[in-house]
Amino acid sequence: MQVGSLKEALVSGGFWMAWLLLVAGGLVGSPTASFLLVFVSVTCAVLPLAFGTTRQRISAAVALLLGVLLAVSLVDKAKNDPYFKKHRNQPVPATGQPVAPR
């Protein structure tokens, strides 16, 4: 194993994490969890895009583009997630104490 610079390790790790999170975001069934994974994938793709080799930059740009497209397609599904709708429709319990004017 060669000792490399921190920049090379960071770029390589960001590159692989971006692709792995993008694949995981596409496979997860929950729209909210998929949106979160894709958002983190897009965030991880920024470092290889800025500091990577030519091949890493091209692949990071593809991952970034696919991540943005997948995130945009998941926004409406995440807004209509049944878990969040259930908690939005519940009434807020009253405390029973009137609010004193200031």
Protein backbone atom coordinates (compact mmCIF):
# COMPACT_ATOMS: atom_id res chain seq x y z
CA MET A 1 0.00 0.00 0.00
CA GLN A 2 1.37 3.36 -1.00
CA VAL A 3 1.30 6.37 1.19
CA GLY A 4 -0.52 9.12 -0.67
CA SER A 5 -1.65 12.59 0.09
CA LEU A 6 -4.77 13.45 2.02
CA LYS A 7 -6.17 15.16 -1.08
CA GLU A 8 -5.94 11.97 -3.14
CA ALA A 9 -7.61 9.95 -0.40
CA LEU A 10 -10.36 12.53 0.00
CA VAL A 11 -11.04 12.67 -3.72
CA SER A 12 -11.07 8.89 -4.09
CA GLY A 13 -13.31 8.43 -1.05
CA GLY A 14 -15.72 11.11 -2.23
CA PHE A 15 -15.80 9.56 -5.68
CA TRP A 16 -16.74 6.09 -4.41
CA MET A 17 -19.13 7.37 -1.76
CA ALA A 18 -20.98 9.45 -4.34
CA TRP A 19 -21.58 6.44 -6.58
CA LEU A 20 -22.45 4.07 -3.72
CA LEU A 21 -24.92 6.51 -2.20
CA LEU A 22 -26.45 7.17 -5.61
CA VAL A 23 -27.03 3.44 -6.12
CA ALA A 24 -28.40 3.08 -2.57
CA GLY A 25 -30.71 6.05 -3.13
CA GLY A 26 -32.09 4.40 -6.24
CA LEU A 27 -32.70 1.10 -4.46
CA VAL A 28 -34.33 2.30 -1.24
CA GLY A 29 -38.11 2.17 -1.32
CA SER A 30 -38.87 5.12 0.92
CA PRO A 31 -38.95 8.39 -1.05
CA THR A 32 -37.73 10.45 1.89
CA ALA A 33 -34.77 8.17 2.60
CA SER A 34 -33.94 8.05 -1.12
CA PHE A 35 -33.97 11.83 -1.33
CA LEU A 36 -31.64 12.07 1.67
CA LEU A 37 -29.20 9.52 0.21
CA VAL A 38 -29.19 11.22 -3.18
CA PHE A 39 -28.64 14.62 -1.55
CA VAL A 40 -25.61 13.28 0.34
CA SER A 41 -24.39 11.66 -2.90
CA VAL A 42 -24.50 14.99 -4.70
CA THR A 43 -22.61 16.56 -1.82
CA CYS A 44 -19.92 13.85 -1.98
CA ALA A 45 -19.51 14.31 -5.75
CA VAL A 46 -18.37 17.91 -5.38
CA LEU A 47 -14.83 17.18 -4.12
CA PRO A 48 -13.86 14.78 -6.94
CA LEU A 49 -15.34 17.26 -9.39
CA ALA A 50 -13.08 20.00 -8.05
CA PHE A 51 -9.84 18.17 -7.30
CA GLY A 52 -9.89 14.79 -9.08
CA THR A 53 -8.14 13.51 -12.16
CA THR A 54 -9.80 13.92 -15.54
CA ARG A 55 -11.53 10.54 -15.34
CA GLN A 56 -12.72 11.21 -11.81
CA ARG A 57 -14.01 14.64 -12.78
CA ILE A 58 -16.00 13.27 -15.70
CA SER A 59 -17.46 10.46 -13.61
CA ALA A 60 -18.20 12.83 -10.71
CA ALA A 61 -19.98 15.18 -13.13
CA VAL A 62 -22.12 12.27 -14.34
CA ALA A 63 -22.87 11.25 -10.74
CA LEU A 64 -23.73 14.85 -9.89
CA LEU A 65 -26.07 15.18 -12.87
CA LEU A 66 -27.78 11.84 -12.17
CA GLY A 67 -28.09 12.72 -8.49
CA VAL A 68 -29.69 16.08 -9.20
CA LEU A 69 -32.12 14.51 -11.68
CA LEU A 70 -33.04 11.75 -9.24
CA ALA A 71 -33.47 14.25 -6.38
CA VAL A 72 -35.75 16.43 -8.49
CA SER A 73 -37.86 13.41 -9.39
CA LEU A 74 -38.12 12.40 -5.71
CA VAL A 75 -39.20 15.79 -4.31
CA ASP A 76 -42.92 15.36 -5.00
CA LYS A 77 -42.89 11.76 -3.78
CA ALA A 78 -41.12 12.80 -0.57
CA LYS A 79 -43.68 15.56 0.03
CA ASN A 80 -46.51 13.02 -0.21
CA ASP A 81 -44.86 10.44 2.05
CA PRO A 82 -47.58 8.83 4.22
CA TYR A 83 -45.45 9.04 7.38
CA PHE A 84 -45.25 12.81 7.22
CA LYS A 85 -48.89 13.20 6.17
CA LYS A 86 -49.98 11.22 9.21
CA HIS A 87 -48.07 13.52 11.55
CA ARG A 88 -49.18 16.71 9.77
CA ASN A 89 -52.87 15.91 10.15
CA GLN A 90 -52.77 15.27 13.89
CA PRO A 91 -54.14 18.20 15.92
CA VAL A 92 -51.83 19.93 18.35
CA PRO A 93 -52.94 19.19 21.93
CA ALA A 94 -54.17 22.21 23.84
CA THR A 95 -52.34 23.05 27.04
CA GLY A 96 -55.44 24.37 28.74
CA GLN A 97 -53.81 27.59 29.85
CA PRO A 98 -54.67 30.83 28.10
CA VAL A 99 -51.83 32.84 26.67
CA ALA A 100 -51.21 35.96 28.72
CA PRO A 101 -50.94 39.19 26.69
CA ARG A 102 -47.64 41.05 27.01
